[in-house]
Amino acid sequence: MLGTVNIAGHTVQLKATASTIRKYRAWFNRDLIADFTVIRSGFTEGKITAEIFEMVENLTYVMAKQADPTISSNIDDWLDQFETFPISEFAADVINLWASSLESSSTLAEKNV
């Protein structure tokens, strides 16, 4: 799934694929499914912590890097291009893009034995 967000005046293309979870784990040594649960509840309850802020930064970076492999392999270098990082302005788009990449249009069929 492809999408774009505006981060501090920069248009950033994002890509969410089946490998997003694996890359997130490899690059940040964290479980994206567990982190996503925390992210969603934090935004739902209006309680954005520094940890949630970092999780959204990480997820945004992984999807940006997937969309544009020329982006630096160092997240700090990538973040340095932004004067500010107003998560509240684009987090919903990031969260929805990744969540939509998990949806399936198929259903499990019961097997008759």
PDB file of N, CA and C in Angstrom:
ATOM      1  N   MET A   1       0.834  -1.162   0.000  1.00  0.00           N
ATOM      2  CA  MET A   1       0.000   0.000   0.000  1.00  0.00           C
ATOM      3  C   MET A   1       0.888   1.239   0.000  1.00  0.00           C
ATOM      4  N   LEU A   2       0.537   2.186  -0.802  1.00  0.00           N
ATOM      5  CA  LEU A   2       1.280   3.432  -0.891  1.00  0.00           C
ATOM      6  C   LEU A   2       0.441   4.588  -0.365  1.00  0.00           C
ATOM      7  N   GLY A   3       1.120   5.557   0.201  1.00  0.00           N
ATOM      8  CA  GLY A   3       0.464   6.762   0.674  1.00  0.00           C
ATOM      9  C   GLY A   3       1.493   7.861   0.823  1.00  0.00           C
ATOM     10  N   THR A   4       1.025   9.060   1.080  1.00  0.00           N
ATOM     11  CA  THR A   4       1.930  10.179   1.325  1.00  0.00           C
ATOM     12  C   THR A   4       1.454  10.946   2.554  1.00  0.00           C
ATOM     13  N   VAL A   5       2.416  11.556   3.226  1.00  0.00           N
ATOM     14  CA  VAL A   5       2.112  12.437   4.354  1.00  0.00           C
ATOM     15  C   VAL A   5       2.945  13.698   4.181  1.00  0.00           C
ATOM     16  N   ASN A   6       2.478  14.768   4.800  1.00  0.00           N
ATOM     17  CA  ASN A   6       3.239  16.009   4.808  1.00  0.00           C
ATOM     18  C   ASN A   6       3.853  16.154   6.190  1.00  0.00           C
ATOM     19  N   ILE A   7       5.174  16.194   6.223  1.00  0.00           N
ATOM     20  CA  ILE A   7       5.891  16.353   7.487  1.00  0.00           C
ATOM     21  C   ILE A   7       6.681  17.647   7.411  1.00  0.00           C
ATOM     22  N   ALA A   8       6.236  18.635   8.146  1.00  0.00           N
ATOM     23  CA  ALA A   8       6.934  19.923   8.221  1.00  0.00           C
ATOM     24  C   ALA A   8       7.258  20.487   6.842  1.00  0.00           C
ATOM     25  N   GLY A   9       6.273  20.432   5.945  1.00  0.00           N
ATOM     26  CA  GLY A   9       6.457  20.992   4.612  1.00  0.00           C
ATOM     27  C   GLY A   9       7.105  20.059   3.607  1.00  0.00           C
ATOM     28  N   HIS A  10       7.456  18.844   4.016  1.00  0.00           N
ATOM     29  CA  HIS A  10       8.044  17.845   3.114  1.00  0.00           C
ATOM     30  C   HIS A  10       6.986  16.793   2.787  1.00  0.00           C
ATOM     31  N   THR A  11       6.809  16.508   1.505  1.00  0.00           N
ATOM     32  CA  THR A  11       5.933  15.420   1.116  1.00  0.00           C
ATOM     33  C   THR A  11       6.744  14.136   1.192  1.00  0.00           C
ATOM     34  N   VAL A  12       6.275  13.208   2.016  1.00  0.00           N
ATOM     35  CA  VAL A  12       6.993  11.952   2.239  1.00  0.00           C
ATOM     36  C   VAL A  12       6.118  10.804   1.763  1.00  0.00           C
ATOM     37  N   GLN A  13       6.652  10.039   0.827  1.00  0.00           N
ATOM     38  CA  GLN A  13       5.932   8.867   0.350  1.00  0.00           C
ATOM     39  C   GLN A  13       6.169   7.719   1.319  1.00  0.00           C
ATOM     40  N   LEU A  14       5.118   6.948   1.579  1.00  0.00           N
ATOM     41  CA  LEU A  14       5.191   5.807   2.492  1.00  0.00           C
ATOM     42  C   LEU A  14       4.724   4.554   1.768  1.00  0.00           C
ATOM     43  N   LYS A  15       5.289   3.426   2.180  1.00  0.00           N
ATOM     44  CA  LYS A  15       4.894   2.145   1.611  1.00  0.00           C
ATOM     45  C   LYS A  15       4.795   1.129   2.734  1.00  0.00           C
ATOM     46  N   ALA A  16       3.651   0.482   2.834  1.00  0.00           N
ATOM     47  CA  ALA A  16       3.439  -0.563   3.827  1.00  0.00           C
ATOM     48  C   ALA A  16       3.266  -1.889   3.090  1.00  0.00           C
ATOM     49  N   THR A  17       4.071  -2.866   3.442  1.00  0.00           N
ATOM     50  CA  THR A  17       4.018  -4.172   2.792  1.00  0.00           C
ATOM     51  C   THR A  17       4.090  -5.269   3.845  1.00  0.00           C
ATOM     52  N   ALA A  18       4.089  -6.487   3.379  1.00  0.00           N
ATOM     53  CA  ALA A  18       4.215  -7.628   4.287  1.00  0.00           C
ATOM     54  C   ALA A  18       5.541  -7.595   5.046  1.00  0.00           C
ATOM     55  N   SER A  19       6.548  -6.961   4.484  1.00  0.00           N
ATOM     56  CA  SER A  19       7.860  -6.934   5.146  1.00  0.00           C
ATOM     57  C   SER A  19       8.000  -5.804   6.170  1.00  0.00           C
ATOM     58  N   THR A  20       6.998  -4.942   6.284  1.00  0.00           N
ATOM     59  CA  THR A  20       7.098  -3.832   7.230  1.00  0.00           C
ATOM     60  C   THR A  20       7.343  -4.335   8.648  1.00  0.00           C
ATOM     61  N   ILE A  21       6.614  -5.347   9.059  1.00  0.00           N
ATOM     62  CA  ILE A  21       6.772  -5.907  10.408  1.00  0.00           C
ATOM     63  C   ILE A  21       8.191  -6.425  10.615  1.00  0.00           C
ATOM     64  N   ARG A  22       8.710  -7.149   9.638  1.00  0.00           N
ATOM     65  CA  ARG A  22      10.055  -7.738   9.759  1.00  0.00           C
ATOM     66  C   ARG A  22      11.134  -6.658   9.797  1.00  0.00           C
ATOM     67  N   LYS A  23      10.983  -5.646   8.958  1.00  0.00           N
ATOM     68  CA  LYS A  23      11.968  -4.566   8.937  1.00  0.00           C
ATOM     69  C   LYS A  23      11.938  -3.772  10.243  1.00  0.00           C
ATOM     70  N   TYR A  24      10.770  -3.495  10.749  1.00  0.00           N
ATOM     71  CA  TYR A  24      10.628  -2.780  12.020  1.00  0.00           C
ATOM     72  C   TYR A  24      11.349  -3.556  13.121  1.00  0.00           C
ATOM     73  N   ARG A  25      11.127  -4.871  13.164  1.00  0.00           N
ATOM     74  CA  ARG A  25      11.776  -5.697  14.184  1.00  0.00           C
ATOM     75  C   ARG A  25      13.296  -5.722  13.983  1.00  0.00           C
ATOM     76  N   ALA A  26      13.751  -5.873  12.758  1.00  0.00           N
ATOM     77  CA  ALA A  26      15.184  -5.935  12.474  1.00  0.00           C
ATOM     78  C   ALA A  26      15.890  -4.618  12.783  1.00  0.00           C
ATOM     79  N   TRP A  27      15.259  -3.501  12.449  1.00  0.00           N
ATOM     80  CA  TRP A  27      15.899  -2.197  12.609  1.00  0.00           C
ATOM     81  C   TRP A  27      15.789  -1.641  14.015  1.00  0.00           C
ATOM     82  N   PHE A  28      14.708  -1.993  14.725  1.00  0.00           N
ATOM     83  CA  PHE A  28      14.486  -1.389  16.049  1.00  0.00           C
ATOM     84  C   PHE A  28      14.390  -2.401  17.185  1.00  0.00           C
ATOM     85  N   ASN A  29      14.500  -3.683  16.838  1.00  0.00           N
ATOM     86  CA  ASN A  29      14.444  -4.750  17.840  1.00  0.00           C
ATOM     87  C   ASN A  29      13.174  -4.654  18.689  1.00  0.00           C
ATOM     88  N   ARG A  30      12.070  -4.361  18.020  1.00  0.00           N
ATOM     89  CA  ARG A  30      10.775  -4.209  18.693  1.00  0.00           C
ATOM     90  C   ARG A  30       9.710  -4.931  17.870  1.00  0.00           C
ATOM     91  N   ASP A  31       8.635  -5.304  18.532  1.00  0.00           N
ATOM     92  CA  ASP A  31       7.517  -5.995  17.905  1.00  0.00           C
ATOM     93  C   ASP A  31       6.487  -4.953  17.465  1.00  0.00           C
ATOM     94  N   LEU A  32       6.302  -4.815  16.156  1.00  0.00           N
ATOM     95  CA  LEU A  32       5.392  -3.799  15.636  1.00  0.00           C
ATOM     96  C   LEU A  32       3.947  -4.069  16.038  1.00  0.00           C
ATOM     97  N   ILE A  33       3.541  -5.317  16.108  1.00  0.00           N
ATOM     98  CA  ILE A  33       2.163  -5.615  16.498  1.00  0.00           C
ATOM     99  C   ILE A  33       1.909  -5.124  17.927  1.00  0.00           C
ATOM    100  N   ALA A  34       2.826  -5.423  18.842  1.00  0.00           N
ATOM    101  CA  ALA A  34       2.689  -4.958  20.232  1.00  0.00           C
ATOM    102  C   ALA A  34       2.743  -3.434  20.297  1.00  0.00           C
ATOM    103  N   ASP A  35       3.704  -2.841  19.575  1.00  0.00           N
ATOM    104  CA  ASP A  35       3.824  -1.384  19.574  1.00  0.00           C
ATOM    105  C   ASP A  35       2.584  -0.725  18.983  1.00  0.00           C
ATOM    106  N   PHE A  36       2.028  -1.325  17.949  1.00  0.00           N
ATOM    107  CA  PHE A  36       0.857  -0.753  17.298  1.00  0.00           C
ATOM    108  C   PHE A  36      -0.330  -0.700  18.261  1.00  0.00           C
ATOM    109  N   THR A  37      -0.463  -1.717  19.087  1.00  0.00           N
ATOM    110  CA  THR A  37      -1.523  -1.730  20.094  1.00  0.00           C
ATOM    111  C   THR A  37      -1.354  -0.547  21.046  1.00  0.00           C
ATOM    112  N   VAL A  38      -0.121  -0.289  21.463  1.00  0.00           N
ATOM    113  CA  VAL A  38       0.168   0.840  22.359  1.00  0.00           C
ATOM    114  C   VAL A  38      -0.095   2.165  21.646  1.00  0.00           C
ATOM    115  N   ILE A  39       0.326   2.262  20.395  1.00  0.00           N
ATOM    116  CA  ILE A  39       0.122   3.485  19.610  1.00  0.00           C
ATOM    117  C   ILE A  39      -1.368   3.796  19.496  1.00  0.00           C
ATOM    118  N   ARG A  40      -2.153   2.815  19.099  1.00  0.00           N
ATOM    119  CA  ARG A  40      -3.597   3.031  18.917  1.00  0.00           C
ATOM    120  C   ARG A  40      -4.270   3.456  20.211  1.00  0.00           C
ATOM    121  N   SER A  41      -3.934   2.771  21.310  1.00  0.00           N
ATOM    122  CA  SER A  41      -4.578   3.132  22.572  1.00  0.00           C
ATOM    123  C   SER A  41      -4.132   4.514  23.031  1.00  0.00           C
ATOM    124  N   GLY A  42      -2.872   4.862  22.804  1.00  0.00           N
ATOM    125  CA  GLY A  42      -2.382   6.188  23.179  1.00  0.00           C
ATOM    126  C   GLY A  42      -3.102   7.293  22.433  1.00  0.00           C
ATOM    127  N   PHE A  43      -3.313   7.097  21.136  1.00  0.00           N
ATOM    128  CA  PHE A  43      -4.010   8.113  20.349  1.00  0.00           C
ATOM    129  C   PHE A  43      -5.502   8.127  20.673  1.00  0.00           C
ATOM    130  N   THR A  44      -6.081   6.975  20.917  1.00  0.00           N
ATOM    131  CA  THR A  44      -7.501   6.895  21.262  1.00  0.00           C
ATOM    132  C   THR A  44      -7.781   7.592  22.584  1.00  0.00           C
ATOM    133  N   GLU A  45      -6.888   7.391  23.546  1.00  0.00           N
ATOM    134  CA  GLU A  45      -7.072   7.966  24.875  1.00  0.00           C
ATOM    135  C   GLU A  45      -6.468   9.366  25.008  1.00  0.00           C
ATOM    136  N   GLY A  46      -5.802   9.827  23.957  1.00  0.00           N
ATOM    137  CA  GLY A  46      -5.185  11.149  24.002  1.00  0.00           C
ATOM    138  C   GLY A  46      -3.992  11.222  24.933  1.00  0.00           C
ATOM    139  N   LYS A  47      -3.319  10.103  25.111  1.00  0.00           N
ATOM    140  CA  LYS A  47      -2.154  10.035  25.996  1.00  0.00           C
ATOM    141  C   LYS A  47      -0.924   9.649  25.177  1.00  0.00           C
ATOM    142  N   ILE A  48      -0.322  10.648  24.554  1.00  0.00           N
ATOM    143  CA  ILE A  48       0.846  10.417  23.714  1.00  0.00           C
ATOM    144  C   ILE A  48       2.096  10.588  24.575  1.00  0.00           C
ATOM    145  N   THR A  49       2.779   9.496  24.795  1.00  0.00           N
ATOM    146  CA  THR A  49       4.003   9.513  25.599  1.00  0.00           C
ATOM    147  C   THR A  49       5.213   9.627  24.692  1.00  0.00           C
ATOM    148  N   ALA A  50       6.367   9.840  25.278  1.00  0.00           N
ATOM    149  CA  ALA A  50       7.611   9.881  24.505  1.00  0.00           C
ATOM    150  C   ALA A  50       7.837   8.546  23.804  1.00  0.00           C
ATOM    151  N   GLU A  51       7.461   7.462  24.467  1.00  0.00           N
ATOM    152  CA  GLU A  51       7.627   6.131  23.869  1.00  0.00           C
ATOM    153  C   GLU A  51       6.740   5.979  22.636  1.00  0.00           C
ATOM    154  N   ILE A  52       5.500   6.433  22.726  1.00  0.00           N
ATOM    155  CA  ILE A  52       4.591   6.359  21.576  1.00  0.00           C
ATOM    156  C   ILE A  52       5.097   7.253  20.455  1.00  0.00           C
ATOM    157  N   PHE A  53       5.564   8.430  20.794  1.00  0.00           N
ATOM    158  CA  PHE A  53       6.134   9.349  19.805  1.00  0.00           C
ATOM    159  C   PHE A  53       7.250   8.639  19.030  1.00  0.00           C
ATOM    160  N   GLU A  54       8.140   7.959  19.760  1.00  0.00           N
ATOM    161  CA  GLU A  54       9.254   7.259  19.117  1.00  0.00           C
ATOM    162  C   GLU A  54       8.771   6.099  18.250  1.00  0.00           C
ATOM    163  N   MET A  55       7.759   5.386  18.701  1.00  0.00           N
ATOM    164  CA  MET A  55       7.213   4.276  17.909  1.00  0.00           C
ATOM    165  C   MET A  55       6.664   4.780  16.578  1.00  0.00           C
ATOM    166  N   VAL A  56       5.959   5.915  16.613  1.00  0.00           N
ATOM    167  CA  VAL A  56       5.410   6.485  15.377  1.00  0.00           C
ATOM    168  C   VAL A  56       6.546   6.971  14.481  1.00  0.00           C
ATOM    169  N   GLU A  57       7.568   7.588  15.064  1.00  0.00           N
ATOM    170  CA  GLU A  57       8.755   7.974  14.276  1.00  0.00           C
ATOM    171  C   GLU A  57       9.333   6.753  13.572  1.00  0.00           C
ATOM    172  N   ASN A  58       9.506   5.681  14.326  1.00  0.00           N
ATOM    173  CA  ASN A  58      10.100   4.464  13.770  1.00  0.00           C
ATOM    174  C   ASN A  58       9.252   3.877  12.654  1.00  0.00           C
ATOM    175  N   LEU A  59       7.941   3.786  12.883  1.00  0.00           N
ATOM    176  CA  LEU A  59       7.057   3.237  11.860  1.00  0.00           C
ATOM    177  C   LEU A  59       7.059   4.112  10.614  1.00  0.00           C
ATOM    178  N   THR A  60       7.009   5.415  10.797  1.00  0.00           N
ATOM    179  CA  THR A  60       7.037   6.342   9.658  1.00  0.00           C
ATOM    180  C   THR A  60       8.331   6.171   8.874  1.00  0.00           C
ATOM    181  N   TYR A  61       9.441   6.058   9.588  1.00  0.00           N
ATOM    182  CA  TYR A  61      10.741   5.879   8.932  1.00  0.00           C
ATOM    183  C   TYR A  61      10.777   4.574   8.129  1.00  0.00           C
ATOM    184  N   VAL A  62      10.325   3.474   8.723  1.00  0.00           N
ATOM    185  CA  VAL A  62      10.356   2.180   8.018  1.00  0.00           C
ATOM    186  C   VAL A  62       9.556   2.273   6.728  1.00  0.00           C
ATOM    187  N   MET A  63       8.362   2.854   6.795  1.00  0.00           N
ATOM    188  CA  MET A  63       7.536   2.941   5.593  1.00  0.00           C
ATOM    189  C   MET A  63       8.110   3.928   4.579  1.00  0.00           C
ATOM    190  N   ALA A  64       8.748   4.984   5.041  1.00  0.00           N
ATOM    191  CA  ALA A  64       9.396   5.932   4.121  1.00  0.00           C
ATOM    192  C   ALA A  64      10.578   5.257   3.423  1.00  0.00           C
ATOM    193  N   LYS A  65      11.335   4.499   4.173  1.00  0.00           N
ATOM    194  CA  LYS A  65      12.509   3.791   3.615  1.00  0.00           C
ATOM    195  C   LYS A  65      12.053   2.730   2.620  1.00  0.00           C
ATOM    196  N   GLN A  66      10.927   2.073   2.891  1.00  0.00           N
ATOM    197  CA  GLN A  66      10.399   1.099   1.940  1.00  0.00           C
ATOM    198  C   GLN A  66       9.994   1.785   0.636  1.00  0.00           C
ATOM    199  N   ALA A  67       9.419   2.978   0.746  1.00  0.00           N
ATOM    200  CA  ALA A  67       8.987   3.708  -0.454  1.00  0.00           C
ATOM    201  C   ALA A  67      10.166   4.287  -1.216  1.00  0.00           C
ATOM    202  N   ASP A  68      11.231   4.651  -0.503  1.00  0.00           N
ATOM    203  CA  ASP A  68      12.399   5.278  -1.123  1.00  0.00           C
ATOM    204  C   ASP A  68      13.680   4.699  -0.536  1.00  0.00           C
ATOM    205  N   PRO A  69      14.202   3.642  -1.144  1.00  0.00           N
ATOM    206  CA  PRO A  69      15.399   2.976  -0.621  1.00  0.00           C
ATOM    207  C   PRO A  69      16.646   3.871  -0.567  1.00  0.00           C
ATOM    208  N   THR A  70      16.598   5.046  -1.210  1.00  0.00           N
ATOM    209  CA  THR A  70      17.768   5.935  -1.168  1.00  0.00           C
ATOM    210  C   THR A  70      17.850   6.718   0.142  1.00  0.00           C
ATOM    211  N   ILE A  71      16.789   6.665   0.950  1.00  0.00           N
ATOM    212  CA  ILE A  71      16.812   7.335   2.255  1.00  0.00           C
ATOM    213  C   ILE A  71      17.926   6.734   3.096  1.00  0.00           C
ATOM    214  N   SER A  72      18.555   7.550   3.892  1.00  0.00           N
ATOM    215  CA  SER A  72      19.643   7.106   4.761  1.00  0.00           C
ATOM    216  C   SER A  72      19.229   5.901   5.596  1.00  0.00           C
ATOM    217  N   SER A  73      20.156   5.002   5.824  1.00  0.00           N
ATOM    218  CA  SER A  73      19.910   3.839   6.680  1.00  0.00           C
ATOM    219  C   SER A  73      19.986   4.210   8.150  1.00  0.00           C
ATOM    220  N   ASN A  74      20.220   5.467   8.441  1.00  0.00           N
ATOM    221  CA  ASN A  74      20.285   5.951   9.812  1.00  0.00           C
ATOM    222  C   ASN A  74      19.070   6.848  10.053  1.00  0.00           C
ATOM    223  N   ILE A  75      18.203   6.426  10.953  1.00  0.00           N
ATOM    224  CA  ILE A  75      16.969   7.191  11.204  1.00  0.00           C
ATOM    225  C   ILE A  75      17.269   8.610  11.665  1.00  0.00           C
ATOM    226  N   ASP A  76      18.342   8.807  12.429  1.00  0.00           N
ATOM    227  CA  ASP A  76      18.665  10.159  12.901  1.00  0.00           C
ATOM    228  C   ASP A  76      19.001  11.077  11.736  1.00  0.00           C
ATOM    229  N   ASP A  77      19.721  10.549  10.737  1.00  0.00           N
ATOM    230  CA  ASP A  77      20.016  11.354   9.546  1.00  0.00           C
ATOM    231  C   ASP A  77      18.725  11.724   8.822  1.00  0.00           C
ATOM    232  N   TRP A  78      17.808  10.766   8.724  1.00  0.00           N
ATOM    233  CA  TRP A  78      16.538  11.019   8.058  1.00  0.00           C
ATOM    234  C   TRP A  78      15.737  12.072   8.815  1.00  0.00           C
ATOM    235  N   LEU A  79      15.668  11.946  10.143  1.00  0.00           N
ATOM    236  CA  LEU A  79      14.913  12.899  10.956  1.00  0.00           C
ATOM    237  C   LEU A  79      15.502  14.308  10.904  1.00  0.00           C
ATOM    238  N   ASP A  80      16.815  14.409  10.717  1.00  0.00           N
ATOM    239  CA  ASP A  80      17.477  15.713  10.679  1.00  0.00           C
ATOM    240  C   ASP A  80      17.007  16.609   9.532  1.00  0.00           C
ATOM    241  N   GLN A  81      16.388  16.024   8.511  1.00  0.00           N
ATOM    242  CA  GLN A  81      15.911  16.858   7.393  1.00  0.00           C
ATOM    243  C   GLN A  81      14.679  17.677   7.768  1.00  0.00           C
ATOM    244  N   PHE A  82      14.010  17.303   8.865  1.00  0.00           N
ATOM    245  CA  PHE A  82      12.797  17.987   9.284  1.00  0.00           C
ATOM    246  C   PHE A  82      13.113  18.968  10.400  1.00  0.00           C
ATOM    247  N   GLU A  83      12.665  20.193  10.230  1.00  0.00           N
ATOM    248  CA  GLU A  83      12.851  21.196  11.266  1.00  0.00           C
ATOM    249  C   GLU A  83      12.030  20.840  12.509  1.00  0.00           C
ATOM    250  N   THR A  84      10.826  20.329  12.251  1.00  0.00           N
ATOM    251  CA  THR A  84       9.963  19.825  13.324  1.00  0.00           C
ATOM    252  C   THR A  84       9.404  18.492  12.856  1.00  0.00           C
ATOM    253  N   PHE A  85       8.813  17.738  13.764  1.00  0.00           N
ATOM    254  CA  PHE A  85       8.207  16.454  13.417  1.00  0.00           C
ATOM    255  C   PHE A  85       6.831  16.393  14.085  1.00  0.00           C
ATOM    256  N   PRO A  86       5.861  17.133  13.517  1.00  0.00           N
ATOM    257  CA  PRO A  86       4.533  17.285  14.135  1.00  0.00           C
ATOM    258  C   PRO A  86       3.660  16.039  13.980  1.00  0.00           C
ATOM    259  N   ILE A  87       3.934  15.048  14.798  1.00  0.00           N
ATOM    260  CA  ILE A  87       3.250  13.765  14.697  1.00  0.00           C
ATOM    261  C   ILE A  87       1.732  13.902  14.699  1.00  0.00           C
ATOM    262  N   SER A  88       1.219  14.803  15.497  1.00  0.00           N
ATOM    263  CA  SER A  88      -0.242  14.932  15.585  1.00  0.00           C
ATOM    264  C   SER A  88      -0.864  15.297  14.239  1.00  0.00           C
ATOM    265  N   GLU A  89      -0.086  15.885  13.345  1.00  0.00           N
ATOM    266  CA  GLU A  89      -0.609  16.288  12.037  1.00  0.00           C
ATOM    267  C   GLU A  89      -0.663  15.153  11.020  1.00  0.00           C
ATOM    268  N   PHE A  90       0.143  14.091  11.219  1.00  0.00           N
ATOM    269  CA  PHE A  90       0.171  13.035  10.203  1.00  0.00           C
ATOM    270  C   PHE A  90       0.067  11.618  10.761  1.00  0.00           C
ATOM    271  N   ALA A  91       0.082  11.456  12.069  1.00  0.00           N
ATOM    272  CA  ALA A  91       0.082  10.115  12.666  1.00  0.00           C
ATOM    273  C   ALA A  91      -1.113   9.281  12.228  1.00  0.00           C
ATOM    274  N   ALA A  92      -2.279   9.876  12.146  1.00  0.00           N
ATOM    275  CA  ALA A  92      -3.469   9.118  11.741  1.00  0.00           C
ATOM    276  C   ALA A  92      -3.282   8.504  10.362  1.00  0.00           C
ATOM    277  N   ASP A  93      -2.659   9.262   9.445  1.00  0.00           N
ATOM    278  CA  ASP A  93      -2.422   8.735   8.097  1.00  0.00           C
ATOM    279  C   ASP A  93      -1.444   7.564   8.126  1.00  0.00           C
ATOM    280  N   VAL A  94      -0.391   7.672   8.927  1.00  0.00           N
ATOM    281  CA  VAL A  94       0.596   6.598   9.054  1.00  0.00           C
ATOM    282  C   VAL A  94      -0.068   5.352   9.645  1.00  0.00           C
ATOM    283  N   ILE A  95      -0.800   5.548  10.725  1.00  0.00           N
ATOM    284  CA  ILE A  95      -1.466   4.443  11.413  1.00  0.00           C
ATOM    285  C   ILE A  95      -2.481   3.766  10.496  1.00  0.00           C
ATOM    286  N   ASN A  96      -3.280   4.555   9.805  1.00  0.00           N
ATOM    287  CA  ASN A  96      -4.296   3.988   8.912  1.00  0.00           C
ATOM    288  C   ASN A  96      -3.679   3.267   7.721  1.00  0.00           C
ATOM    289  N   LEU A  97      -2.597   3.798   7.179  1.00  0.00           N
ATOM    290  CA  LEU A  97      -1.939   3.144   6.049  1.00  0.00           C
ATOM    291  C   LEU A  97      -1.415   1.781   6.468  1.00  0.00           C
ATOM    292  N   TRP A  98      -0.729   1.738   7.610  1.00  0.00           N
ATOM    293  CA  TRP A  98      -0.189   0.448   8.044  1.00  0.00           C
ATOM    294  C   TRP A  98      -1.315  -0.514   8.398  1.00  0.00           C
ATOM    295  N   ALA A  99      -2.341  -0.047   9.078  1.00  0.00           N
ATOM    296  CA  ALA A  99      -3.464  -0.912   9.449  1.00  0.00           C
ATOM    297  C   ALA A  99      -4.155  -1.467   8.207  1.00  0.00           C
ATOM    298  N   SER A 100      -4.292  -0.649   7.173  1.00  0.00           N
ATOM    299  CA  SER A 100      -4.964  -1.118   5.960  1.00  0.00           C
ATOM    300  C   SER A 100      -4.134  -2.173   5.232  1.00  0.00           C
ATOM    301  N   SER A 101      -2.827  -2.181   5.447  1.00  0.00           N
ATOM    302  CA  SER A 101      -1.991  -3.203   4.807  1.00  0.00           C
ATOM    303  C   SER A 101      -2.197  -4.568   5.460  1.00  0.00           C
ATOM    304  N   LEU A 102      -2.821  -4.594   6.632  1.00  0.00           N
ATOM    305  CA  LEU A 102      -3.082  -5.854   7.331  1.00  0.00           C
ATOM    306  C   LEU A 102      -4.409  -6.481   6.944  1.00  0.00           C
ATOM    307  N   GLU A 103      -5.285  -5.694   6.341  1.00  0.00           N
ATOM    308  CA  GLU A 103      -6.619  -6.169   6.009  1.00  0.00           C
ATOM    309  C   GLU A 103      -6.564  -7.181   4.878  1.00  0.00           C
ATOM    310  N   SER A 104      -7.483  -8.099   4.926  1.00  0.00           N
ATOM    311  CA  SER A 104      -7.580  -9.126   3.902  1.00  0.00           C
ATOM    312  C   SER A 104      -9.001  -9.155   3.362  1.00  0.00           C
ATOM    313  N   SER A 105      -9.103  -9.468   2.106  1.00  0.00           N
ATOM    314  CA  SER A 105     -10.435  -9.578   1.515  1.00  0.00           C
ATOM    315  C   SER A 105     -10.880 -11.038   1.466  1.00  0.00           C
ATOM    316  N   SER A 106     -10.021 -11.946   1.906  1.00  0.00           N
ATOM    317  CA  SER A 106     -10.385 -13.360   1.869  1.00  0.00           C
ATOM    318  C   SER A 106     -10.796 -13.827   3.254  1.00  0.00           C
ATOM    319  N   THR A 107     -11.504 -14.942   3.272  1.00  0.00           N
ATOM    320  CA  THR A 107     -11.913 -15.544   4.536  1.00  0.00           C
ATOM    321  C   THR A 107     -11.416 -16.972   4.569  1.00  0.00           C
ATOM    322  N   LEU A 108     -11.237 -17.478   5.762  1.00  0.00           N
ATOM    323  CA  LEU A 108     -10.824 -18.865   5.915  1.00  0.00           C
ATOM    324  C   LEU A 108     -12.015 -19.769   5.621  1.00  0.00           C
ATOM    325  N   ALA A 109     -11.781 -20.772   4.819  1.00  0.00           N
ATOM    326  CA  ALA A 109     -12.835 -21.728   4.512  1.00  0.00           C
ATOM    327  C   ALA A 109     -12.705 -22.922   5.463  1.00  0.00           C
ATOM    328  N   GLU A 110     -13.838 -23.364   5.963  1.00  0.00           N
ATOM    329  CA  GLU A 110     -13.811 -24.549   6.816  1.00  0.00           C
ATOM    330  C   GLU A 110     -13.593 -25.757   5.942  1.00  0.00           C
ATOM    331  N   LYS A 111     -12.782 -26.649   6.447  1.00  0.00           N
ATOM    332  CA  LYS A 111     -12.484 -27.879   5.702  1.00  0.00           C
ATOM    333  C   LYS A 111     -13.317 -28.999   6.290  1.00  0.00           C
ATOM    334  N   ASN A 112     -14.076 -29.653   5.467  1.00  0.00           N
ATOM    335  CA  ASN A 112     -14.862 -30.790   5.930  1.00  0.00           C
ATOM    336  C   ASN A 112     -13.985 -32.016   6.018  1.00  0.00           C
ATOM    337  N   VAL A 113     -14.058 -32.701   7.155  1.00  0.00           N
ATOM    338  CA  VAL A 113     -13.237 -33.888   7.352  1.00  0.00           C
ATOM    339  C   VAL A 113     -14.071 -35.113   7.194  1.00  0.00           C
TER     340      VAL A 113
END
